Amino acid sequence: MSRCTTIVAAFACVFAATDRPLVAQSMLRLTPDADKALKFRYVGPVGNRVIAVAGIAGNPNVLYVGAASGGIWKTGDAGAHWDPIFDDQDVQSIGALAIAPGDPNTIWAGTGEAFIRSNISIGDGIYKSTDAGKSWTRMGLDRTGRIARVIVDAKNADVVFACALGHAYGPQPERGVFRTTDGGRTWNRVLFVDENTGCSDIAMDPNNSRVLFAGMWQLEIHTWGRTSGGSGSGLFRSADGGTTWTRLTEPPARRSARSRRRWRARIRIASTPSSKPATACRPTTVEQRKVDRSGAARTAARTGRW
């Protein structure tokens, strides 16, 4: 065998030897015991409370996070490095992030922190990026103050809902649920209770985008404290894509007075993309934030009966 052939054969052996472990590693699956041993660890970004997180289905390396007063950050390597991508905008308080399900380059950012505390920042509307965060355009809702959630219709990316809490320092009309059907060029307020009540959360049925649930929160912030809860608060349901809404029945009178007050405070909502979709909701006060996993809450949210 010639010297040249020997060298080629040697390289072939090296590549073959290094190839097999890599293939085996890609097929590695964690055992239940190994999975239990994993713990949460800090991956950044540095310096602020993270309010919103959005990722791309099928691509775990790309994540966007929104900070209470630190703008939007993006990672392309699963959190090893983070880049600020919102610094050129006039506001840095982020309340919500959403990625269009059919287009990972289209990102929506609702501004203004909706987690009420003494040192929070106000936003100036909703922003949209069509190039994966390289550039941003403000798309309206300038006076909503705080946008707690943004959801994009999975079947029609031009349909977007914004859950606006409002600045909450006094009465204002720019509160409630807003909808666009033209990609943000125009907005209509589709759910409004009164000038003292804003939207605390909104969720869409993953299997039927015409079914939505919205939590409404009567809230006013003062320098000496806050007034949380009231007759304006409650859970609402729409079955026609947000055009009309029905207030779901409140808990019956046999519940304790404390329970009824809690129900009239802030409401958080979540839906599950299962074959039997369920929506869980939990009324909370500012001091108490717990998750209600009870079948009663899920059934009530789905049917409107308590």
Foldseek 3Di string as FASTA:
>chain_A
DDPVVVVVVVVVVVCVVVPVVVVVVVVDDDDPVRVVPDDDDDLDDDDFAWQEKDDAPPQQQWIWTAGQFAAIWIGRGNRNDIDHQGVVDPGRGWQEKDAQNVANQKIKTAGWHPLDDLDGFWAQAMWIGNGNRNDIDGLDLGQLGGWNYKDADNVARQWIKTFGFGVQQDFDFSAEIWIGNGNRNDIDHLDDQGRQKHWNEKDAANVARQKMKTWIWRKHADNVGIDTFDPSTAMWIGNGNRNDIDGFDQDDPVDDPVVSRQRRGTKYKDWDNDPDIWMAMGRGHSVDDDGDPDPVRRVCNVPSHD
